[in-house]
Amino acid sequence: RELLEGAPRPWLDLGTGSGRFGEGAGVEVGLDPAADRLCIAAGRLPSVVLGVGEALPFRDASIGSVLSVAVFEFLADPAGTTREIRRLTERSRSGEPS
């Protein structure tokens, strides 16, 4: 939680699994491709979404910060996921900080 203090919100837990880490960090949204794990996370997090990192189901610039614990080694396309995270967290180019 201390690592995220001051980070822009909302916070997304990418690969939330059961939501244990996200709950402890205080994230608003958990995303995971495993529906059975999301059922557990739904009892721990305010919002859960079924999806994968390579095609994040959120609008551009709609997420403030992303938490990811032990996820990248399981991704089919880590570079694509990094691009998706940037798409979600980049603010407009009008001078607003990202």
PDB file of N, CA and C in Angstrom:
ATOM      1  N   ARG A   1       0.835  -1.190   0.000  1.00  0.00           N
ATOM      2  CA  ARG A   1       0.000   0.000   0.000  1.00  0.00           C
ATOM      3  C   ARG A   1       0.876   1.249   0.000  1.00  0.00           C
ATOM      4  N   GLU A   2       1.961   1.213   0.730  1.00  0.00           N
ATOM      5  CA  GLU A   2       2.855   2.368   0.794  1.00  0.00           C
ATOM      6  C   GLU A   2       3.421   2.724  -0.572  1.00  0.00           C
ATOM      7  N   LEU A   3       3.666   1.729  -1.413  1.00  0.00           N
ATOM      8  CA  LEU A   3       4.205   1.995  -2.745  1.00  0.00           C
ATOM      9  C   LEU A   3       3.230   2.774  -3.621  1.00  0.00           C
ATOM     10  N   LEU A   4       1.947   2.619  -3.379  1.00  0.00           N
ATOM     11  CA  LEU A   4       0.939   3.289  -4.195  1.00  0.00           C
ATOM     12  C   LEU A   4       0.491   4.639  -3.631  1.00  0.00           C
ATOM     13  N   GLU A   5       0.882   4.960  -2.405  1.00  0.00           N
ATOM     14  CA  GLU A   5       0.458   6.221  -1.802  1.00  0.00           C
ATOM     15  C   GLU A   5       0.829   7.389  -2.710  1.00  0.00           C
ATOM     16  N   GLY A   6      -0.139   8.236  -2.973  1.00  0.00           N
ATOM     17  CA  GLY A   6       0.078   9.396  -3.826  1.00  0.00           C
ATOM     18  C   GLY A   6      -0.066   9.116  -5.315  1.00  0.00           C
ATOM     19  N   ALA A   7      -0.169   7.840  -5.689  1.00  0.00           N
ATOM     20  CA  ALA A   7      -0.334   7.488  -7.108  1.00  0.00           C
ATOM     21  C   ALA A   7      -1.748   7.863  -7.548  1.00  0.00           C
ATOM     22  N   PRO A   8      -1.901   8.282  -8.815  1.00  0.00           N
ATOM     23  CA  PRO A   8      -3.235   8.647  -9.306  1.00  0.00           C
ATOM     24  C   PRO A   8      -4.217   7.481  -9.211  1.00  0.00           C
ATOM     25  N   ARG A   9      -5.452   7.800  -8.921  1.00  0.00           N
ATOM     26  CA  ARG A   9      -6.535   6.815  -8.850  1.00  0.00           C
ATOM     27  C   ARG A   9      -7.429   6.970 -10.058  1.00  0.00           C
ATOM     28  N   PRO A  10      -8.215   5.963 -10.377  1.00  0.00           N
ATOM     29  CA  PRO A  10      -8.394   4.685  -9.697  1.00  0.00           C
ATOM     30  C   PRO A  10      -7.221   3.743  -9.942  1.00  0.00           C
ATOM     31  N   TRP A  11      -7.062   2.814  -9.008  1.00  0.00           N
ATOM     32  CA  TRP A  11      -6.010   1.806  -9.092  1.00  0.00           C
ATOM     33  C   TRP A  11      -6.589   0.508  -9.634  1.00  0.00           C
ATOM     34  N   LEU A  12      -5.852  -0.103 -10.563  1.00  0.00           N
ATOM     35  CA  LEU A  12      -6.222  -1.389 -11.158  1.00  0.00           C
ATOM     36  C   LEU A  12      -5.223  -2.444 -10.718  1.00  0.00           C
ATOM     37  N   ASP A  13      -5.709  -3.574 -10.237  1.00  0.00           N
ATOM     38  CA  ASP A  13      -4.864  -4.725  -9.919  1.00  0.00           C
ATOM     39  C   ASP A  13      -4.930  -5.670 -11.109  1.00  0.00           C
ATOM     40  N   LEU A  14      -3.887  -5.657 -11.924  1.00  0.00           N
ATOM     41  CA  LEU A  14      -3.806  -6.465 -13.140  1.00  0.00           C
ATOM     42  C   LEU A  14      -3.392  -7.888 -12.763  1.00  0.00           C
ATOM     43  N   GLY A  15      -4.246  -8.866 -13.049  1.00  0.00           N
ATOM     44  CA  GLY A  15      -3.989 -10.251 -12.653  1.00  0.00           C
ATOM     45  C   GLY A  15      -4.307 -10.427 -11.181  1.00  0.00           C
ATOM     46  N   THR A  16      -5.448  -9.925 -10.779  1.00  0.00           N
ATOM     47  CA  THR A  16      -5.809  -9.877  -9.360  1.00  0.00           C
ATOM     48  C   THR A  16      -5.976 -11.245  -8.716  1.00  0.00           C
ATOM     49  N   GLY A  17      -6.286 -12.280  -9.494  1.00  0.00           N
ATOM     50  CA  GLY A  17      -6.513 -13.598  -8.892  1.00  0.00           C
ATOM     51  C   GLY A  17      -7.647 -13.521  -7.890  1.00  0.00           C
ATOM     52  N   SER A  18      -7.380 -13.913  -6.660  1.00  0.00           N
ATOM     53  CA  SER A  18      -8.405 -13.900  -5.613  1.00  0.00           C
ATOM     54  C   SER A  18      -8.601 -12.522  -4.992  1.00  0.00           C
ATOM     55  N   GLY A  19      -7.808 -11.537  -5.406  1.00  0.00           N
ATOM     56  CA  GLY A  19      -7.953 -10.178  -4.895  1.00  0.00           C
ATOM     57  C   GLY A  19      -7.253  -9.903  -3.579  1.00  0.00           C
ATOM     58  N   ARG A  20      -6.468 -10.849  -3.106  1.00  0.00           N
ATOM     59  CA  ARG A  20      -5.813 -10.695  -1.797  1.00  0.00           C
ATOM     60  C   ARG A  20      -4.853  -9.508  -1.769  1.00  0.00           C
ATOM     61  N   PHE A  21      -3.977  -9.389  -2.774  1.00  0.00           N
ATOM     62  CA  PHE A  21      -3.024  -8.281  -2.793  1.00  0.00           C
ATOM     63  C   PHE A  21      -3.736  -6.957  -3.064  1.00  0.00           C
ATOM     64  N   GLY A  22      -4.675  -6.979  -3.997  1.00  0.00           N
ATOM     65  CA  GLY A  22      -5.423  -5.766  -4.311  1.00  0.00           C
ATOM     66  C   GLY A  22      -6.201  -5.239  -3.133  1.00  0.00           C
ATOM     67  N   GLU A  23      -6.788  -6.146  -2.374  1.00  0.00           N
ATOM     68  CA  GLU A  23      -7.538  -5.733  -1.186  1.00  0.00           C
ATOM     69  C   GLU A  23      -6.604  -5.047  -0.187  1.00  0.00           C
ATOM     70  N   GLY A  24      -5.454  -5.647   0.029  1.00  0.00           N
ATOM     71  CA  GLY A  24      -4.487  -5.074   0.965  1.00  0.00           C
ATOM     72  C   GLY A  24      -3.961  -3.726   0.516  1.00  0.00           C
ATOM     73  N   ALA A  25      -3.876  -3.537  -0.793  1.00  0.00           N
ATOM     74  CA  ALA A  25      -3.379  -2.269  -1.335  1.00  0.00           C
ATOM     75  C   ALA A  25      -4.461  -1.214  -1.423  1.00  0.00           C
ATOM     76  N   GLY A  26      -5.716  -1.633  -1.383  1.00  0.00           N
ATOM     77  CA  GLY A  26      -6.816  -0.676  -1.482  1.00  0.00           C
ATOM     78  C   GLY A  26      -7.194  -0.302  -2.903  1.00  0.00           C
ATOM     79  N   VAL A  27      -6.993  -1.223  -3.853  1.00  0.00           N
ATOM     80  CA  VAL A  27      -7.341  -0.927  -5.250  1.00  0.00           C
ATOM     81  C   VAL A  27      -8.852  -0.917  -5.443  1.00  0.00           C
ATOM     82  N   GLU A  28      -9.281  -0.202  -6.469  1.00  0.00           N
ATOM     83  CA  GLU A  28     -10.706  -0.117  -6.782  1.00  0.00           C
ATOM     84  C   GLU A  28     -11.167  -1.204  -7.737  1.00  0.00           C
ATOM     85  N   VAL A  29     -10.272  -1.649  -8.643  1.00  0.00           N
ATOM     86  CA  VAL A  29     -10.670  -2.589  -9.693  1.00  0.00           C
ATOM     87  C   VAL A  29      -9.654  -3.721  -9.795  1.00  0.00           C
ATOM     88  N   GLY A  30     -10.153  -4.952  -9.886  1.00  0.00           N
ATOM     89  CA  GLY A  30      -9.300  -6.105 -10.126  1.00  0.00           C
ATOM     90  C   GLY A  30      -9.652  -6.733 -11.454  1.00  0.00           C
ATOM     91  N   LEU A  31      -8.637  -7.104 -12.231  1.00  0.00           N
ATOM     92  CA  LEU A  31      -8.850  -7.752 -13.535  1.00  0.00           C
ATOM     93  C   LEU A  31      -8.112  -9.077 -13.553  1.00  0.00           C
ATOM     94  N   ASP A  32      -8.778 -10.107 -14.085  1.00  0.00           N
ATOM     95  CA  ASP A  32      -8.155 -11.429 -14.191  1.00  0.00           C
ATOM     96  C   ASP A  32      -8.875 -12.226 -15.277  1.00  0.00           C
ATOM     97  N   PRO A  33      -8.166 -13.158 -15.950  1.00  0.00           N
ATOM     98  CA  PRO A  33      -8.817 -13.991 -16.960  1.00  0.00           C
ATOM     99  C   PRO A  33      -9.525 -15.216 -16.378  1.00  0.00           C
ATOM    100  N   ALA A  34      -9.371 -15.470 -15.088  1.00  0.00           N
ATOM    101  CA  ALA A  34      -9.953 -16.664 -14.467  1.00  0.00           C
ATOM    102  C   ALA A  34     -11.226 -16.303 -13.705  1.00  0.00           C
ATOM    103  N   ALA A  35     -12.364 -16.693 -14.259  1.00  0.00           N
ATOM    104  CA  ALA A  35     -13.656 -16.357 -13.657  1.00  0.00           C
ATOM    105  C   ALA A  35     -13.795 -16.911 -12.241  1.00  0.00           C
ATOM    106  N   ASP A  36     -13.285 -18.110 -11.994  1.00  0.00           N
ATOM    107  CA  ASP A  36     -13.411 -18.691 -10.655  1.00  0.00           C
ATOM    108  C   ASP A  36     -12.649 -17.879  -9.614  1.00  0.00           C
ATOM    109  N   ARG A  37     -11.499 -17.336  -9.983  1.00  0.00           N
ATOM    110  CA  ARG A  37     -10.721 -16.491  -9.067  1.00  0.00           C
ATOM    111  C   ARG A  37     -11.429 -15.155  -8.839  1.00  0.00           C
ATOM    112  N   LEU A  38     -12.042 -14.629  -9.902  1.00  0.00           N
ATOM    113  CA  LEU A  38     -12.761 -13.361  -9.767  1.00  0.00           C
ATOM    114  C   LEU A  38     -13.957 -13.480  -8.829  1.00  0.00           C
ATOM    115  N   CYS A  39     -14.549 -14.645  -8.746  1.00  0.00           N
ATOM    116  CA  CYS A  39     -15.657 -14.844  -7.800  1.00  0.00           C
ATOM    117  C   CYS A  39     -15.178 -14.604  -6.373  1.00  0.00           C
ATOM    118  N   ILE A  40     -13.970 -15.027  -6.071  1.00  0.00           N
ATOM    119  CA  ILE A  40     -13.388 -14.783  -4.752  1.00  0.00           C
ATOM    120  C   ILE A  40     -13.048 -13.300  -4.605  1.00  0.00           C
ATOM    121  N   ALA A  41     -12.425 -12.731  -5.640  1.00  0.00           N
ATOM    122  CA  ALA A  41     -12.035 -11.320  -5.605  1.00  0.00           C
ATOM    123  C   ALA A  41     -13.236 -10.399  -5.443  1.00  0.00           C
ATOM    124  N   ALA A  42     -14.377 -10.804  -5.966  1.00  0.00           N
ATOM    125  CA  ALA A  42     -15.581  -9.969  -5.881  1.00  0.00           C
ATOM    126  C   ALA A  42     -15.986  -9.715  -4.432  1.00  0.00           C
ATOM    127  N   GLY A  43     -15.624 -10.585  -3.541  1.00  0.00           N
ATOM    128  CA  GLY A  43     -15.901 -10.374  -2.128  1.00  0.00           C
ATOM    129  C   GLY A  43     -14.868  -9.505  -1.440  1.00  0.00           C
ATOM    130  N   ARG A  44     -13.800  -9.161  -2.156  1.00  0.00           N
ATOM    131  CA  ARG A  44     -12.704  -8.390  -1.556  1.00  0.00           C
ATOM    132  C   ARG A  44     -12.509  -7.008  -2.168  1.00  0.00           C
ATOM    133  N   LEU A  45     -12.894  -6.856  -3.430  1.00  0.00           N
ATOM    134  CA  LEU A  45     -12.636  -5.608  -4.149  1.00  0.00           C
ATOM    135  C   LEU A  45     -13.942  -4.938  -4.549  1.00  0.00           C
ATOM    136  N   PRO A  46     -13.937  -3.618  -4.666  1.00  0.00           N
ATOM    137  CA  PRO A  46     -15.161  -2.918  -5.072  1.00  0.00           C
ATOM    138  C   PRO A  46     -15.673  -3.323  -6.454  1.00  0.00           C
ATOM    139  N   SER A  47     -14.747  -3.626  -7.376  1.00  0.00           N
ATOM    140  CA  SER A  47     -15.141  -3.970  -8.740  1.00  0.00           C
ATOM    141  C   SER A  47     -14.170  -4.990  -9.318  1.00  0.00           C
ATOM    142  N   VAL A  48     -14.684  -5.990 -10.042  1.00  0.00           N
ATOM    143  CA  VAL A  48     -13.841  -6.964 -10.727  1.00  0.00           C
ATOM    144  C   VAL A  48     -14.270  -7.071 -12.186  1.00  0.00           C
ATOM    145  N   VAL A  49     -13.287  -7.338 -13.045  1.00  0.00           N
ATOM    146  CA  VAL A  49     -13.532  -7.405 -14.484  1.00  0.00           C
ATOM    147  C   VAL A  49     -12.820  -8.626 -15.041  1.00  0.00           C
ATOM    148  N   LEU A  50     -13.519  -9.392 -15.864  1.00  0.00           N
ATOM    149  CA  LEU A  50     -12.932 -10.529 -16.560  1.00  0.00           C
ATOM    150  C   LEU A  50     -12.209 -10.005 -17.792  1.00  0.00           C
ATOM    151  N   GLY A  51     -10.925 -10.322 -17.925  1.00  0.00           N
ATOM    152  CA  GLY A  51     -10.176  -9.852 -19.089  1.00  0.00           C
ATOM    153  C   GLY A  51      -8.720 -10.242 -19.003  1.00  0.00           C
ATOM    154  N   VAL A  52      -7.978  -9.880 -20.063  1.00  0.00           N
ATOM    155  CA  VAL A  52      -6.553 -10.190 -20.142  1.00  0.00           C
ATOM    156  C   VAL A  52      -5.757  -8.907 -20.338  1.00  0.00           C
ATOM    157  N   GLY A  53      -4.510  -8.941 -19.912  1.00  0.00           N
ATOM    158  CA  GLY A  53      -3.644  -7.772 -20.001  1.00  0.00           C
ATOM    159  C   GLY A  53      -3.361  -7.309 -21.406  1.00  0.00           C
ATOM    160  N   GLU A  54      -3.372  -8.236 -22.339  1.00  0.00           N
ATOM    161  CA  GLU A  54      -3.052  -7.880 -23.724  1.00  0.00           C
ATOM    162  C   GLU A  54      -4.178  -7.117 -24.420  1.00  0.00           C
ATOM    163  N   ALA A  55      -5.369  -7.117 -23.860  1.00  0.00           N
ATOM    164  CA  ALA A  55      -6.531  -6.402 -24.432  1.00  0.00           C
ATOM    165  C   ALA A  55      -7.394  -5.892 -23.278  1.00  0.00           C
ATOM    166  N   LEU A  56      -6.912  -4.888 -22.589  1.00  0.00           N
ATOM    167  CA  LEU A  56      -7.600  -4.394 -21.396  1.00  0.00           C
ATOM    168  C   LEU A  56      -8.921  -3.727 -21.755  1.00  0.00           C
ATOM    169  N   PRO A  57     -10.009  -4.156 -21.110  1.00  0.00           N
ATOM    170  CA  PRO A  57     -11.348  -3.678 -21.471  1.00  0.00           C
ATOM    171  C   PRO A  57     -11.742  -2.368 -20.769  1.00  0.00           C
ATOM    172  N   PHE A  58     -10.902  -1.346 -20.935  1.00  0.00           N
ATOM    173  CA  PHE A  58     -11.146  -0.044 -20.342  1.00  0.00           C
ATOM    174  C   PHE A  58     -10.879   1.048 -21.372  1.00  0.00           C
ATOM    175  N   ARG A  59     -11.515   2.202 -21.172  1.00  0.00           N
ATOM    176  CA  ARG A  59     -11.301   3.345 -22.066  1.00  0.00           C
ATOM    177  C   ARG A  59      -9.896   3.919 -21.883  1.00  0.00           C
ATOM    178  N   ASP A  60      -9.409   4.594 -22.907  1.00  0.00           N
ATOM    179  CA  ASP A  60      -8.130   5.293 -22.830  1.00  0.00           C
ATOM    180  C   ASP A  60      -8.134   6.240 -21.629  1.00  0.00           C
ATOM    181  N   ALA A  61      -7.001   6.321 -20.958  1.00  0.00           N
ATOM    182  CA  ALA A  61      -6.779   7.250 -19.846  1.00  0.00           C
ATOM    183  C   ALA A  61      -7.823   7.130 -18.738  1.00  0.00           C
ATOM    184  N   SER A  62      -8.375   5.933 -18.535  1.00  0.00           N
ATOM    185  CA  SER A  62      -9.430   5.753 -17.533  1.00  0.00           C
ATOM    186  C   SER A  62      -8.927   5.206 -16.198  1.00  0.00           C
ATOM    187  N   ILE A  63      -7.654   4.808 -16.138  1.00  0.00           N
ATOM    188  CA  ILE A  63      -7.071   4.233 -14.928  1.00  0.00           C
ATOM    189  C   ILE A  63      -5.908   5.116 -14.493  1.00  0.00           C
ATOM    190  N   GLY A  64      -5.818   5.362 -13.202  1.00  0.00           N
ATOM    191  CA  GLY A  64      -4.742   6.205 -12.692  1.00  0.00           C
ATOM    192  C   GLY A  64      -3.425   5.462 -12.559  1.00  0.00           C
ATOM    193  N   SER A  65      -3.467   4.260 -11.970  1.00  0.00           N
ATOM    194  CA  SER A  65      -2.257   3.484 -11.714  1.00  0.00           C
ATOM    195  C   SER A  65      -2.580   1.992 -11.781  1.00  0.00           C
ATOM    196  N   VAL A  66      -1.552   1.198 -12.088  1.00  0.00           N
ATOM    197  CA  VAL A  66      -1.729  -0.254 -12.220  1.00  0.00           C
ATOM    198  C   VAL A  66      -0.775  -0.973 -11.276  1.00  0.00           C
ATOM    199  N   LEU A  67      -1.329  -1.900 -10.508  1.00  0.00           N
ATOM    200  CA  LEU A  67      -0.570  -2.788  -9.647  1.00  0.00           C
ATOM    201  C   LEU A  67      -0.526  -4.145 -10.337  1.00  0.00           C
ATOM    202  N   SER A  68       0.646  -4.753 -10.365  1.00  0.00           N
ATOM    203  CA  SER A  68       0.774  -6.062 -10.989  1.00  0.00           C
ATOM    204  C   SER A  68       1.776  -6.882 -10.186  1.00  0.00           C
ATOM    205  N   VAL A  69       1.300  -7.911  -9.499  1.00  0.00           N
ATOM    206  CA  VAL A  69       2.157  -8.743  -8.664  1.00  0.00           C
ATOM    207  C   VAL A  69       2.271 -10.120  -9.306  1.00  0.00           C
ATOM    208  N   ALA A  70       3.484 -10.496  -9.710  1.00  0.00           N
ATOM    209  CA  ALA A  70       3.760 -11.826 -10.277  1.00  0.00           C
ATOM    210  C   ALA A  70       2.833 -12.164 -11.441  1.00  0.00           C
ATOM    211  N   VAL A  71       2.780 -11.287 -12.442  1.00  0.00           N
ATOM    212  CA  VAL A  71       1.883 -11.474 -13.583  1.00  0.00           C
ATOM    213  C   VAL A  71       2.648 -11.597 -14.893  1.00  0.00           C
ATOM    214  N   PHE A  72       3.664 -10.778 -15.101  1.00  0.00           N
ATOM    215  CA  PHE A  72       4.285 -10.675 -16.420  1.00  0.00           C
ATOM    216  C   PHE A  72       4.884 -11.983 -16.914  1.00  0.00           C
ATOM    217  N   GLU A  73       5.308 -12.861 -16.033  1.00  0.00           N
ATOM    218  CA  GLU A  73       5.868 -14.134 -16.493  1.00  0.00           C
ATOM    219  C   GLU A  73       4.813 -15.065 -17.077  1.00  0.00           C
ATOM    220  N   PHE A  74       3.527 -14.749 -16.848  1.00  0.00           N
ATOM    221  CA  PHE A  74       2.447 -15.585 -17.362  1.00  0.00           C
ATOM    222  C   PHE A  74       1.784 -15.006 -18.612  1.00  0.00           C
ATOM    223  N   LEU A  75       2.190 -13.832 -19.046  1.00  0.00           N
ATOM    224  CA  LEU A  75       1.543 -13.167 -20.175  1.00  0.00           C
ATOM    225  C   LEU A  75       2.006 -13.724 -21.514  1.00  0.00           C
ATOM    226  N   ALA A  76       1.092 -13.836 -22.454  1.00  0.00           N
ATOM    227  CA  ALA A  76       1.442 -14.260 -23.809  1.00  0.00           C
ATOM    228  C   ALA A  76       2.209 -13.164 -24.533  1.00  0.00           C
ATOM    229  N   ASP A  77       1.900 -11.896 -24.218  1.00  0.00           N
ATOM    230  CA  ASP A  77       2.519 -10.756 -24.898  1.00  0.00           C
ATOM    231  C   ASP A  77       2.810  -9.643 -23.887  1.00  0.00           C
ATOM    232  N   PRO A  78       3.917  -9.755 -23.141  1.00  0.00           N
ATOM    233  CA  PRO A  78       4.235  -8.734 -22.142  1.00  0.00           C
ATOM    234  C   PRO A  78       4.369  -7.325 -22.728  1.00  0.00           C
ATOM    235  N   ALA A  79       4.956  -7.213 -23.915  1.00  0.00           N
ATOM    236  CA  ALA A  79       5.102  -5.888 -24.537  1.00  0.00           C
ATOM    237  C   ALA A  79       3.737  -5.298 -24.883  1.00  0.00           C
ATOM    238  N   GLY A  80       2.830  -6.141 -25.361  1.00  0.00           N
ATOM    239  CA  GLY A  80       1.477  -5.678 -25.669  1.00  0.00           C
ATOM    240  C   GLY A  80       0.743  -5.238 -24.417  1.00  0.00           C
ATOM    241  N   THR A  81       0.952  -5.954 -23.334  1.00  0.00           N
ATOM    242  CA  THR A  81       0.328  -5.575 -22.064  1.00  0.00           C
ATOM    243  C   THR A  81       0.886  -4.246 -21.580  1.00  0.00           C
ATOM    244  N   THR A  82       2.173  -4.045 -21.735  1.00  0.00           N
ATOM    245  CA  THR A  82       2.778  -2.764 -21.353  1.00  0.00           C
ATOM    246  C   THR A  82       2.178  -1.623 -22.164  1.00  0.00           C
ATOM    247  N   ARG A  83       1.968  -1.841 -23.448  1.00  0.00           N
ATOM    248  CA  ARG A  83       1.316  -0.813 -24.286  1.00  0.00           C
ATOM    249  C   ARG A  83      -0.105  -0.536 -23.803  1.00  0.00           C
ATOM    250  N   GLU A  84      -0.818  -1.582 -23.442  1.00  0.00           N
ATOM    251  CA  GLU A  84      -2.183  -1.421 -22.943  1.00  0.00           C
ATOM    252  C   GLU A  84      -2.200  -0.641 -21.624  1.00  0.00           C
ATOM    253  N   ILE A  85      -1.275  -0.937 -20.734  1.00  0.00           N
ATOM    254  CA  ILE A  85      -1.189  -0.203 -19.474  1.00  0.00           C
ATOM    255  C   ILE A  85      -0.925   1.269 -19.745  1.00  0.00           C
ATOM    256  N   ARG A  86      -0.026   1.550 -20.648  1.00  0.00           N
ATOM    257  CA  ARG A  86       0.263   2.950 -21.005  1.00  0.00           C
ATOM    258  C   ARG A  86      -0.988   3.631 -21.562  1.00  0.00           C
ATOM    259  N   ARG A  87      -1.735   2.917 -22.402  1.00  0.00           N
ATOM    260  CA  ARG A  87      -2.960   3.486 -22.982  1.00  0.00           C
ATOM    261  C   ARG A  87      -3.956   3.857 -21.888  1.00  0.00           C
ATOM    262  N   LEU A  88      -4.064   3.003 -20.882  1.00  0.00           N
ATOM    263  CA  LEU A  88      -5.021   3.256 -19.801  1.00  0.00           C
ATOM    264  C   LEU A  88      -4.594   4.377 -18.881  1.00  0.00           C
ATOM    265  N   THR A  89      -3.295   4.512 -18.674  1.00  0.00           N
ATOM    266  CA  THR A  89      -2.816   5.449 -17.670  1.00  0.00           C
ATOM    267  C   THR A  89      -2.346   6.780 -18.228  1.00  0.00           C
ATOM    268  N   GLU A  90      -2.169   6.901 -19.542  1.00  0.00           N
ATOM    269  CA  GLU A  90      -1.724   8.176 -20.117  1.00  0.00           C
ATOM    270  C   GLU A  90      -2.867   9.175 -20.096  1.00  0.00           C
ATOM    271  N   ARG A  91      -2.561  10.345 -19.611  1.00  0.00           N
ATOM    272  CA  ARG A  91      -3.528  11.435 -19.608  1.00  0.00           C
ATOM    273  C   ARG A  91      -3.408  12.189 -20.922  1.00  0.00           C
ATOM    274  N   SER A  92      -4.320  13.074 -21.167  1.00  0.00           N
ATOM    275  CA  SER A  92      -4.307  13.832 -22.415  1.00  0.00           C
ATOM    276  C   SER A  92      -2.980  14.577 -22.563  1.00  0.00           C
ATOM    277  N   ARG A  93      -2.624  14.840 -23.754  1.00  0.00           N
ATOM    278  CA  ARG A  93      -1.358  15.515 -24.038  1.00  0.00           C
ATOM    279  C   ARG A  93      -1.475  17.026 -23.875  1.00  0.00           C
ATOM    280  N   SER A  94      -2.540  17.496 -23.270  1.00  0.00           N
ATOM    281  CA  SER A  94      -2.756  18.926 -23.096  1.00  0.00           C
ATOM    282  C   SER A  94      -1.980  19.484 -21.906  1.00  0.00           C
ATOM    283  N   GLY A  95      -1.071  18.723 -21.382  1.00  0.00           N
ATOM    284  CA  GLY A  95      -0.266  19.212 -20.275  1.00  0.00           C
ATOM    285  C   GLY A  95      -0.593  18.560 -18.945  1.00  0.00           C
ATOM    286  N   GLU A  96      -1.675  17.791 -18.888  1.00  0.00           N
ATOM    287  CA  GLU A  96      -2.034  17.097 -17.647  1.00  0.00           C
ATOM    288  C   GLU A  96      -1.009  16.003 -17.402  1.00  0.00           C
ATOM    289  N   PRO A  97      -0.443  15.930 -16.171  1.00  0.00           N
ATOM    290  CA  PRO A  97       0.553  14.885 -15.910  1.00  0.00           C
ATOM    291  C   PRO A  97      -0.054  13.500 -15.967  1.00  0.00           C
ATOM    292  N   SER A  98       0.771  12.529 -16.344  1.00  0.00           N
ATOM    293  CA  SER A  98       0.282  11.144 -16.408  1.00  0.00           C
ATOM    294  C   SER A  98       0.731  10.380 -15.195  1.00  0.00           C
TER     295      SER A  98
END
